[in-house]
Amino acid sequence: MTALFALATSLLWGLADFGGGLLTRRAPALTVVVVSQSIAAAVLGAVVVATGGWSEAGPRLWFAVAAGLVGPVALFSFYKALALGPMGVVSPLATLSVAVPVSVGLVLGERPGLVQVAGIAVAVIGVVLAGGPQLRGAPVQRQAVLLTLVAALGFGTVFVLITEASTTVTGLFLALFVQRVTNVVTGGAALYAAVRRGAPALPEGGLAWSALPAYGFVGLADVAANGTYAVAAQHGPVTVAAVLASLYPVVTALAARGFLRERLRAVQAAGAGLALVGTLLLATG
């Protein structure tokens, strides 16, 4: 069950990342976050009512609120990075989010083994190489790399928080709903502030109704991935769940190659691969 749900997480996150990055190339990143998360929140609200999830309300939901405050920052940074740089590089760099749970373990008294130390070194080298010398081809802009690292920190924090927000399936629905509502409120406030500064709120030509299914897919796939990851971690070793769930960049990269015909320079592909290997070493060490 752990392997099945963790692999489903990889598929869902990979497709959500691809869709979110693609939408951000046509619309402001904050708009993509707010619209996609609003649709997800509406669907989750219906699920919570249908399953009686309100009975699971308690102090643990504050973890979901905290995750909802961090989530929009991570999503905005990640979607913006996907719009700026090749998805085949940006997405693997985001898997460094696994370092956050590892760091939490260190604070709680765990000590890294040789495998984890090697993972840190490999991941750092991968980040440097993935930036690529700015000569030709499809270089990753420095801003894209920085935004990706910010997103990785945010995603890792969300993983830690949402794991603490519930202990049952119905409680998980409620926690994800609270997280998404907080996402919408936080992202909406940021979008309002951006508009007040003169930034556009909608893509050129307005938000077409025909685009709403794509926004809905991104939001719901992201929610479903969080849910399947939580189930995988609760029903088996967290390290196994983390390793299998961290394979989602493969899905994003394949989608980008298949639909966008992205081509990466050898040094960038090698750097992205090393970042992914380093992440796997961190998770399994």
C-alpha atoms as a PDB file:
ATOM      1  CA  MET A   1       0.000   0.000   0.000  1.00  0.00           C
ATOM      2  CA  THR A   2       2.835   2.393   0.830  1.00  0.00           C
ATOM      3  CA  ALA A   3       4.485   1.864  -2.556  1.00  0.00           C
ATOM      4  CA  LEU A   4       1.188   2.228  -4.428  1.00  0.00           C
ATOM      5  CA  PHE A   5       0.177   5.504  -2.746  1.00  0.00           C
ATOM      6  CA  ALA A   6       3.708   6.931  -2.910  1.00  0.00           C
ATOM      7  CA  LEU A   7       3.973   6.223  -6.643  1.00  0.00           C
ATOM      8  CA  ALA A   8       0.536   7.781  -7.115  1.00  0.00           C
ATOM      9  CA  THR A   9       1.936  10.833  -5.310  1.00  0.00           C
ATOM     10  CA  SER A  10       4.792  11.058  -7.804  1.00  0.00           C
ATOM     11  CA  LEU A  11       2.399  10.885 -10.743  1.00  0.00           C
ATOM     12  CA  LEU A  12       0.026  13.497  -9.310  1.00  0.00           C
ATOM     13  CA  TRP A  13       2.726  15.934  -8.227  1.00  0.00           C
ATOM     14  CA  GLY A  14       4.543  15.563 -11.520  1.00  0.00           C
ATOM     15  CA  LEU A  15       1.432  16.357 -13.565  1.00  0.00           C
ATOM     16  CA  ALA A  16       0.399  19.181 -11.211  1.00  0.00           C
ATOM     17  CA  ASP A  17       3.852  20.749 -11.498  1.00  0.00           C
ATOM     18  CA  PHE A  18       3.783  20.541 -15.270  1.00  0.00           C
ATOM     19  CA  GLY A  19       0.297  22.019 -15.473  1.00  0.00           C
ATOM     20  CA  GLY A  20       1.057  24.780 -12.971  1.00  0.00           C
ATOM     21  CA  GLY A  21       4.242  25.765 -14.746  1.00  0.00           C
ATOM     22  CA  LEU A  22       2.478  25.789 -18.099  1.00  0.00           C
ATOM     23  CA  LEU A  23      -0.349  27.990 -16.786  1.00  0.00           C
ATOM     24  CA  THR A  24       2.160  30.402 -15.252  1.00  0.00           C
ATOM     25  CA  ARG A  25       3.633  31.028 -18.686  1.00  0.00           C
ATOM     26  CA  ARG A  26       0.260  32.494 -19.665  1.00  0.00           C
ATOM     27  CA  ALA A  27      -1.025  34.025 -16.401  1.00  0.00           C
ATOM     28  CA  PRO A  28       0.491  35.630 -13.265  1.00  0.00           C
ATOM     29  CA  ALA A  29       1.820  33.013 -10.839  1.00  0.00           C
ATOM     30  CA  LEU A  30      -0.269  34.336  -7.942  1.00  0.00           C
ATOM     31  CA  THR A  31      -3.405  34.089 -10.065  1.00  0.00           C
ATOM     32  CA  VAL A  32      -2.618  30.461 -10.869  1.00  0.00           C
ATOM     33  CA  VAL A  33      -2.150  29.731  -7.151  1.00  0.00           C
ATOM     34  CA  VAL A  34      -5.334  31.483  -6.035  1.00  0.00           C
ATOM     35  CA  VAL A  35      -7.618  30.114  -8.763  1.00  0.00           C
ATOM     36  CA  SER A  36      -6.338  26.523  -8.604  1.00  0.00           C
ATOM     37  CA  GLN A  37      -6.412  26.428  -4.803  1.00  0.00           C
ATOM     38  CA  SER A  38      -9.897  27.995  -4.697  1.00  0.00           C
ATOM     39  CA  ILE A  39     -11.275  25.208  -6.870  1.00  0.00           C
ATOM     40  CA  ALA A  40      -9.514  22.620  -4.707  1.00  0.00           C
ATOM     41  CA  ALA A  41     -10.882  24.217  -1.525  1.00  0.00           C
ATOM     42  CA  ALA A  42     -14.452  24.127  -2.890  1.00  0.00           C
ATOM     43  CA  VAL A  43     -14.193  20.429  -3.759  1.00  0.00           C
ATOM     44  CA  LEU A  44     -12.574  19.589  -0.417  1.00  0.00           C
ATOM     45  CA  GLY A  45     -15.295  21.488   1.413  1.00  0.00           C
ATOM     46  CA  ALA A  46     -17.915  19.255  -0.194  1.00  0.00           C
ATOM     47  CA  VAL A  47     -15.885  16.157   0.732  1.00  0.00           C
ATOM     48  CA  VAL A  48     -15.570  17.291   4.363  1.00  0.00           C
ATOM     49  CA  VAL A  49     -19.336  17.829   4.604  1.00  0.00           C
ATOM     50  CA  ALA A  50     -20.053  14.448   2.993  1.00  0.00           C
ATOM     51  CA  THR A  51     -17.649  12.541   5.266  1.00  0.00           C
ATOM     52  CA  GLY A  52     -18.452  14.372   8.493  1.00  0.00           C
ATOM     53  CA  GLY A  53     -14.905  15.634   8.748  1.00  0.00           C
ATOM     54  CA  TRP A  54     -15.903  18.541  10.998  1.00  0.00           C
ATOM     55  CA  SER A  55     -16.002  16.069  13.904  1.00  0.00           C
ATOM     56  CA  GLU A  56     -12.208  15.812  13.645  1.00  0.00           C
ATOM     57  CA  ALA A  57     -11.692  19.506  14.443  1.00  0.00           C
ATOM     58  CA  GLY A  58      -9.141  20.112  17.179  1.00  0.00           C
ATOM     59  CA  PRO A  59      -5.844  21.790  18.110  1.00  0.00           C
ATOM     60  CA  ARG A  60      -3.997  19.806  15.423  1.00  0.00           C
ATOM     61  CA  LEU A  61      -5.644  21.971  12.750  1.00  0.00           C
ATOM     62  CA  TRP A  62      -3.269  24.789  13.664  1.00  0.00           C
ATOM     63  CA  PHE A  63      -0.614  22.754  11.860  1.00  0.00           C
ATOM     64  CA  ALA A  64      -2.848  22.870   8.770  1.00  0.00           C
ATOM     65  CA  VAL A  65      -3.215  26.648   9.138  1.00  0.00           C
ATOM     66  CA  ALA A  66       0.566  26.998   9.342  1.00  0.00           C
ATOM     67  CA  ALA A  67       0.930  24.806   6.252  1.00  0.00           C
ATOM     68  CA  GLY A  68      -1.596  27.026   4.493  1.00  0.00           C
ATOM     69  CA  LEU A  69       0.468  30.120   5.258  1.00  0.00           C
ATOM     70  CA  VAL A  70       3.668  28.573   3.886  1.00  0.00           C
ATOM     71  CA  GLY A  71       2.066  26.811   0.915  1.00  0.00           C
ATOM     72  CA  PRO A  72       1.260  29.841  -1.274  1.00  0.00           C
ATOM     73  CA  VAL A  73       4.827  31.127  -0.958  1.00  0.00           C
ATOM     74  CA  ALA A  74       6.180  27.758  -2.050  1.00  0.00           C
ATOM     75  CA  LEU A  75       3.681  27.347  -4.897  1.00  0.00           C
ATOM     76  CA  PHE A  76       4.194  30.893  -6.171  1.00  0.00           C
ATOM     77  CA  SER A  77       7.979  30.472  -6.126  1.00  0.00           C
ATOM     78  CA  PHE A  78       7.796  27.087  -7.806  1.00  0.00           C
ATOM     79  CA  TYR A  79       5.343  28.049 -10.558  1.00  0.00           C
ATOM     80  CA  LYS A  80       7.362  31.199 -11.255  1.00  0.00           C
ATOM     81  CA  ALA A  81      10.548  29.121 -11.471  1.00  0.00           C
ATOM     82  CA  LEU A  82       8.861  26.651 -13.834  1.00  0.00           C
ATOM     83  CA  ALA A  83       7.859  29.566 -16.051  1.00  0.00           C
ATOM     84  CA  LEU A  84      11.404  30.972 -16.103  1.00  0.00           C
ATOM     85  CA  GLY A  85      13.537  27.864 -16.458  1.00  0.00           C
ATOM     86  CA  PRO A  86      13.329  24.455 -18.145  1.00  0.00           C
ATOM     87  CA  MET A  87      10.996  22.187 -16.175  1.00  0.00           C
ATOM     88  CA  GLY A  88      13.438  19.313 -16.542  1.00  0.00           C
ATOM     89  CA  VAL A  89      15.901  21.183 -14.298  1.00  0.00           C
ATOM     90  CA  VAL A  90      13.633  23.164 -11.978  1.00  0.00           C
ATOM     91  CA  SER A  91      11.506  20.212 -10.900  1.00  0.00           C
ATOM     92  CA  PRO A  92      14.406  17.971  -9.759  1.00  0.00           C
ATOM     93  CA  LEU A  93      15.885  20.850  -7.742  1.00  0.00           C
ATOM     94  CA  ALA A  94      12.615  21.145  -5.829  1.00  0.00           C
ATOM     95  CA  THR A  95      13.068  17.601  -4.498  1.00  0.00           C
ATOM     96  CA  LEU A  96      15.602  19.086  -2.085  1.00  0.00           C
ATOM     97  CA  SER A  97      12.511  19.684   0.060  1.00  0.00           C
ATOM     98  CA  VAL A  98      13.257  16.264   1.580  1.00  0.00           C
ATOM     99  CA  ALA A  99      16.129  17.959   3.433  1.00  0.00           C
ATOM    100  CA  VAL A 100      13.594  19.731   5.680  1.00  0.00           C
ATOM    101  CA  PRO A 101      12.179  16.594   7.315  1.00  0.00           C
ATOM    102  CA  VAL A 102      15.742  15.319   7.650  1.00  0.00           C
ATOM    103  CA  SER A 103      16.739  18.546   9.414  1.00  0.00           C
ATOM    104  CA  VAL A 104      13.760  18.243  11.755  1.00  0.00           C
ATOM    105  CA  GLY A 105      14.987  14.776  12.619  1.00  0.00           C
ATOM    106  CA  LEU A 106      18.419  16.175  13.436  1.00  0.00           C
ATOM    107  CA  VAL A 107      16.890  18.745  15.792  1.00  0.00           C
ATOM    108  CA  LEU A 108      15.013  15.948  17.527  1.00  0.00           C
ATOM    109  CA  GLY A 109      18.249  14.092  18.180  1.00  0.00           C
ATOM    110  CA  GLU A 110      18.918  12.038  15.073  1.00  0.00           C
ATOM    111  CA  ARG A 111      22.409  12.068  13.606  1.00  0.00           C
ATOM    112  CA  PRO A 112      23.188  11.818   9.867  1.00  0.00           C
ATOM    113  CA  GLY A 113      24.960   8.758   8.623  1.00  0.00           C
ATOM    114  CA  LEU A 114      27.582   8.628   5.912  1.00  0.00           C
ATOM    115  CA  VAL A 115      24.889   8.155   3.256  1.00  0.00           C
ATOM    116  CA  GLN A 116      23.085  11.335   4.320  1.00  0.00           C
ATOM    117  CA  VAL A 117      26.331  13.326   4.397  1.00  0.00           C
ATOM    118  CA  ALA A 118      27.081  12.078   0.887  1.00  0.00           C
ATOM    119  CA  GLY A 119      23.556  13.045  -0.153  1.00  0.00           C
ATOM    120  CA  ILE A 120      24.047  16.612   1.052  1.00  0.00           C
ATOM    121  CA  ALA A 121      27.319  16.930  -0.876  1.00  0.00           C
ATOM    122  CA  VAL A 122      25.868  15.428  -4.067  1.00  0.00           C
ATOM    123  CA  ALA A 123      22.767  17.638  -3.863  1.00  0.00           C
ATOM    124  CA  VAL A 124      24.811  20.840  -3.456  1.00  0.00           C
ATOM    125  CA  ILE A 125      26.978  19.937  -6.455  1.00  0.00           C
ATOM    126  CA  GLY A 126      23.832  19.200  -8.429  1.00  0.00           C
ATOM    127  CA  VAL A 127      22.363  22.624  -7.613  1.00  0.00           C
ATOM    128  CA  VAL A 128      25.528  24.350  -8.843  1.00  0.00           C
ATOM    129  CA  LEU A 129      25.720  22.359 -12.077  1.00  0.00           C
ATOM    130  CA  ALA A 130      21.987  22.672 -12.807  1.00  0.00           C
ATOM    131  CA  GLY A 131      22.415  26.443 -13.011  1.00  0.00           C
ATOM    132  CA  GLY A 132      24.664  25.869 -15.978  1.00  0.00           C
ATOM    133  CA  PRO A 133      27.166  28.338 -17.451  1.00  0.00           C
ATOM    134  CA  GLN A 134      25.189  31.063 -19.208  1.00  0.00           C
ATOM    135  CA  LEU A 135      26.401  30.459 -22.756  1.00  0.00           C
ATOM    136  CA  ARG A 136      23.830  28.919 -25.060  1.00  0.00           C
ATOM    137  CA  GLY A 137      21.072  26.312 -25.146  1.00  0.00           C
ATOM    138  CA  ALA A 138      18.425  26.546 -22.424  1.00  0.00           C
ATOM    139  CA  PRO A 139      20.187  27.973 -19.350  1.00  0.00           C
ATOM    140  CA  VAL A 140      18.376  28.149 -16.017  1.00  0.00           C
ATOM    141  CA  GLN A 141      18.292  31.739 -14.873  1.00  0.00           C
ATOM    142  CA  ARG A 142      19.688  32.465 -11.431  1.00  0.00           C
ATOM    143  CA  GLN A 143      16.302  33.749 -10.352  1.00  0.00           C
ATOM    144  CA  ALA A 144      14.699  30.443 -11.318  1.00  0.00           C
ATOM    145  CA  VAL A 145      17.225  28.490  -9.238  1.00  0.00           C
ATOM    146  CA  LEU A 146      16.732  30.775  -6.232  1.00  0.00           C
ATOM    147  CA  LEU A 147      12.945  30.555  -6.507  1.00  0.00           C
ATOM    148  CA  THR A 148      13.165  26.769  -6.741  1.00  0.00           C
ATOM    149  CA  LEU A 149      15.222  26.556  -3.552  1.00  0.00           C
ATOM    150  CA  VAL A 150      12.711  28.790  -1.764  1.00  0.00           C
ATOM    151  CA  ALA A 151       9.940  26.508  -3.012  1.00  0.00           C
ATOM    152  CA  ALA A 152      11.821  23.417  -1.821  1.00  0.00           C
ATOM    153  CA  LEU A 153      12.139  24.893   1.672  1.00  0.00           C
ATOM    154  CA  GLY A 154       8.426  25.714   1.676  1.00  0.00           C
ATOM    155  CA  PHE A 155       7.339  22.308   0.384  1.00  0.00           C
ATOM    156  CA  GLY A 156       9.457  20.528   2.970  1.00  0.00           C
ATOM    157  CA  THR A 157       7.932  22.633   5.727  1.00  0.00           C
ATOM    158  CA  VAL A 158       4.420  21.880   4.472  1.00  0.00           C
ATOM    159  CA  PHE A 159       5.163  18.137   4.470  1.00  0.00           C
ATOM    160  CA  VAL A 160       6.224  18.278   8.117  1.00  0.00           C
ATOM    161  CA  LEU A 161       3.241  20.382   9.164  1.00  0.00           C
ATOM    162  CA  ILE A 162       0.517  18.508   7.278  1.00  0.00           C
ATOM    163  CA  THR A 163       1.748  15.181   8.681  1.00  0.00           C
ATOM    164  CA  GLU A 164       1.087  16.536  12.171  1.00  0.00           C
ATOM    165  CA  ALA A 165      -2.320  17.967  11.268  1.00  0.00           C
ATOM    166  CA  SER A 166      -4.287  14.712  11.249  1.00  0.00           C
ATOM    167  CA  THR A 167      -4.239  11.069  12.314  1.00  0.00           C
ATOM    168  CA  THR A 168      -7.318   9.745  10.455  1.00  0.00           C
ATOM    169  CA  VAL A 169      -8.578   9.814   6.873  1.00  0.00           C
ATOM    170  CA  THR A 170     -11.529  12.109   7.644  1.00  0.00           C
ATOM    171  CA  GLY A 171      -9.197  14.276   9.694  1.00  0.00           C
ATOM    172  CA  LEU A 172      -6.872  14.435   6.691  1.00  0.00           C
ATOM    173  CA  PHE A 173      -9.709  15.745   4.492  1.00  0.00           C
ATOM    174  CA  LEU A 174     -10.447  18.445   7.060  1.00  0.00           C
ATOM    175  CA  ALA A 175      -6.766  19.349   7.431  1.00  0.00           C
ATOM    176  CA  LEU A 176      -6.327  19.633   3.659  1.00  0.00           C
ATOM    177  CA  PHE A 177      -9.466  21.775   3.458  1.00  0.00           C
ATOM    178  CA  VAL A 178      -8.243  24.142   6.175  1.00  0.00           C
ATOM    179  CA  GLN A 179      -4.840  24.288   4.490  1.00  0.00           C
ATOM    180  CA  ARG A 180      -6.401  25.187   1.131  1.00  0.00           C
ATOM    181  CA  VAL A 181      -8.689  27.843   2.587  1.00  0.00           C
ATOM    182  CA  THR A 182      -5.663  29.416   4.266  1.00  0.00           C
ATOM    183  CA  ASN A 183      -3.809  29.140   0.956  1.00  0.00           C
ATOM    184  CA  VAL A 184      -6.570  31.077  -0.801  1.00  0.00           C
ATOM    185  CA  VAL A 185      -6.759  33.785   1.872  1.00  0.00           C
ATOM    186  CA  THR A 186      -2.978  34.232   1.989  1.00  0.00           C
ATOM    187  CA  GLY A 187      -2.537  34.075  -1.774  1.00  0.00           C
ATOM    188  CA  GLY A 188      -5.517  36.359  -2.328  1.00  0.00           C
ATOM    189  CA  ALA A 189      -4.066  38.979   0.010  1.00  0.00           C
ATOM    190  CA  ALA A 190      -0.738  38.803  -1.819  1.00  0.00           C
ATOM    191  CA  LEU A 191      -2.495  39.080  -5.187  1.00  0.00           C
ATOM    192  CA  TYR A 192      -4.475  42.115  -3.988  1.00  0.00           C
ATOM    193  CA  ALA A 193      -1.263  43.774  -2.795  1.00  0.00           C
ATOM    194  CA  ALA A 194       0.405  43.026  -6.137  1.00  0.00           C
ATOM    195  CA  VAL A 195      -2.507  44.535  -8.045  1.00  0.00           C
ATOM    196  CA  ARG A 196      -2.355  47.642  -5.881  1.00  0.00           C
ATOM    197  CA  ARG A 197       1.282  47.998  -6.968  1.00  0.00           C
ATOM    198  CA  GLY A 198       0.244  47.835 -10.615  1.00  0.00           C
ATOM    199  CA  ALA A 199       0.783  44.154 -11.397  1.00  0.00           C
ATOM    200  CA  PRO A 200      -1.807  42.447 -13.629  1.00  0.00           C
ATOM    201  CA  ALA A 201      -4.267  40.120 -11.923  1.00  0.00           C
ATOM    202  CA  LEU A 202      -5.407  38.308 -15.051  1.00  0.00           C
ATOM    203  CA  PRO A 203      -3.685  37.044 -18.196  1.00  0.00           C
ATOM    204  CA  GLU A 204      -3.839  39.196 -21.297  1.00  0.00           C
ATOM    205  CA  GLY A 205      -7.347  38.901 -22.688  1.00  0.00           C
ATOM    206  CA  GLY A 206      -8.808  37.851 -19.321  1.00  0.00           C
ATOM    207  CA  LEU A 207      -9.356  34.484 -17.680  1.00  0.00           C
ATOM    208  CA  ALA A 208     -11.181  32.264 -20.141  1.00  0.00           C
ATOM    209  CA  TRP A 209     -13.816  29.877 -18.820  1.00  0.00           C
ATOM    210  CA  SER A 210     -12.271  27.190 -20.984  1.00  0.00           C
ATOM    211  CA  ALA A 211      -9.099  27.397 -18.879  1.00  0.00           C
ATOM    212  CA  LEU A 212     -10.855  26.613 -15.587  1.00  0.00           C
ATOM    213  CA  PRO A 213     -10.611  22.815 -16.013  1.00  0.00           C
ATOM    214  CA  ALA A 214      -6.829  23.162 -16.284  1.00  0.00           C
ATOM    215  CA  TYR A 215      -6.723  25.264 -13.107  1.00  0.00           C
ATOM    216  CA  GLY A 216      -8.972  22.766 -11.388  1.00  0.00           C
ATOM    217  CA  PHE A 217      -6.764  19.868 -12.423  1.00  0.00           C
ATOM    218  CA  VAL A 218      -3.651  21.563 -11.028  1.00  0.00           C
ATOM    219  CA  GLY A 219      -5.310  22.357  -7.701  1.00  0.00           C
ATOM    220  CA  LEU A 220      -6.960  18.970  -7.259  1.00  0.00           C
ATOM    221  CA  ALA A 221      -3.877  17.014  -8.338  1.00  0.00           C
ATOM    222  CA  ASP A 222      -1.800  18.915  -5.786  1.00  0.00           C
ATOM    223  CA  VAL A 223      -4.357  18.190  -3.037  1.00  0.00           C
ATOM    224  CA  ALA A 224      -4.613  14.533  -4.015  1.00  0.00           C
ATOM    225  CA  ALA A 225      -0.822  14.227  -3.952  1.00  0.00           C
ATOM    226  CA  ASN A 226      -0.681  15.622  -0.431  1.00  0.00           C
ATOM    227  CA  GLY A 227      -3.356  13.147   0.590  1.00  0.00           C
ATOM    228  CA  THR A 228      -1.764  10.078  -0.991  1.00  0.00           C
ATOM    229  CA  TYR A 229       1.606  11.009   0.496  1.00  0.00           C
ATOM    230  CA  ALA A 230       0.101  11.294   3.986  1.00  0.00           C
ATOM    231  CA  VAL A 231      -1.587   7.889   3.595  1.00  0.00           C
ATOM    232  CA  ALA A 232       1.655   6.338   2.313  1.00  0.00           C
ATOM    233  CA  ALA A 233       3.631   7.723   5.251  1.00  0.00           C
ATOM    234  CA  GLN A 234       1.020   6.528   7.764  1.00  0.00           C
ATOM    235  CA  HIS A 235       0.895   2.958   6.417  1.00  0.00           C
ATOM    236  CA  GLY A 236       4.596   2.245   5.991  1.00  0.00           C
ATOM    237  CA  PRO A 237       8.144   3.497   6.497  1.00  0.00           C
ATOM    238  CA  VAL A 238       8.396   7.232   5.856  1.00  0.00           C
ATOM    239  CA  THR A 239      11.727   6.730   4.083  1.00  0.00           C
ATOM    240  CA  VAL A 240      10.132   4.395   1.536  1.00  0.00           C
ATOM    241  CA  ALA A 241       7.232   6.797   0.993  1.00  0.00           C
ATOM    242  CA  ALA A 242       9.607   9.762   0.634  1.00  0.00           C
ATOM    243  CA  VAL A 243      11.857   7.991  -1.872  1.00  0.00           C
ATOM    244  CA  LEU A 244       9.037   6.846  -4.134  1.00  0.00           C
ATOM    245  CA  ALA A 245       7.132  10.134  -3.857  1.00  0.00           C
ATOM    246  CA  SER A 246      10.274  12.092  -4.756  1.00  0.00           C
ATOM    247  CA  LEU A 247      10.322  10.540  -8.227  1.00  0.00           C
ATOM    248  CA  TYR A 248       7.731  13.079  -9.463  1.00  0.00           C
ATOM    249  CA  PRO A 249      10.345  15.161 -11.360  1.00  0.00           C
ATOM    250  CA  VAL A 250      10.626  12.277 -13.801  1.00  0.00           C
ATOM    251  CA  VAL A 251       6.943  12.767 -14.667  1.00  0.00           C
ATOM    252  CA  THR A 252       7.371  16.546 -15.037  1.00  0.00           C
ATOM    253  CA  ALA A 253      10.502  16.168 -17.166  1.00  0.00           C
ATOM    254  CA  LEU A 254       8.885  13.588 -19.432  1.00  0.00           C
ATOM    255  CA  ALA A 255       5.799  15.771 -19.843  1.00  0.00           C
ATOM    256  CA  ALA A 256       7.967  18.808 -20.663  1.00  0.00           C
ATOM    257  CA  ARG A 257       9.968  16.802 -23.170  1.00  0.00           C
ATOM    258  CA  GLY A 258       6.896  15.291 -24.761  1.00  0.00           C
ATOM    259  CA  PHE A 259       4.698  18.396 -24.954  1.00  0.00           C
ATOM    260  CA  LEU A 260       7.195  21.287 -24.962  1.00  0.00           C
ATOM    261  CA  ARG A 261      10.135  19.579 -26.703  1.00  0.00           C
ATOM    262  CA  GLU A 262      12.530  20.918 -24.045  1.00  0.00           C
ATOM    263  CA  ARG A 263      16.219  20.272 -24.612  1.00  0.00           C
ATOM    264  CA  LEU A 264      18.767  20.584 -21.823  1.00  0.00           C
ATOM    265  CA  ARG A 265      22.523  20.983 -22.037  1.00  0.00           C
ATOM    266  CA  ALA A 266      24.514  18.014 -20.775  1.00  0.00           C
ATOM    267  CA  VAL A 267      25.876  19.831 -17.709  1.00  0.00           C
ATOM    268  CA  GLN A 268      22.379  20.922 -16.684  1.00  0.00           C
ATOM    269  CA  ALA A 269      20.919  17.446 -17.118  1.00  0.00           C
ATOM    270  CA  ALA A 270      23.807  16.035 -15.080  1.00  0.00           C
ATOM    271  CA  GLY A 271      23.267  18.624 -12.351  1.00  0.00           C
ATOM    272  CA  ALA A 272      19.541  17.914 -12.194  1.00  0.00           C
ATOM    273  CA  GLY A 273      20.263  14.210 -11.995  1.00  0.00           C
ATOM    274  CA  LEU A 274      22.777  14.704  -9.185  1.00  0.00           C
ATOM    275  CA  ALA A 275      20.278  16.816  -7.242  1.00  0.00           C
ATOM    276  CA  LEU A 276      17.744  14.022  -7.536  1.00  0.00           C
ATOM    277  CA  VAL A 277      20.315  11.397  -6.486  1.00  0.00           C
ATOM    278  CA  GLY A 278      21.334  13.546  -3.516  1.00  0.00           C
ATOM    279  CA  THR A 279      17.706  13.835  -2.480  1.00  0.00           C
ATOM    280  CA  LEU A 280      17.226  10.077  -2.636  1.00  0.00           C
ATOM    281  CA  LEU A 281      20.368   9.578  -0.529  1.00  0.00           C
ATOM    282  CA  LEU A 282      19.033  12.044   2.037  1.00  0.00           C
ATOM    283  CA  ALA A 283      15.716  10.234   2.235  1.00  0.00           C
ATOM    284  CA  THR A 284      17.193   6.729   2.502  1.00  0.00           C
ATOM    285  CA  GLY A 285      20.254   7.458   4.629  1.00  0.00           C
END
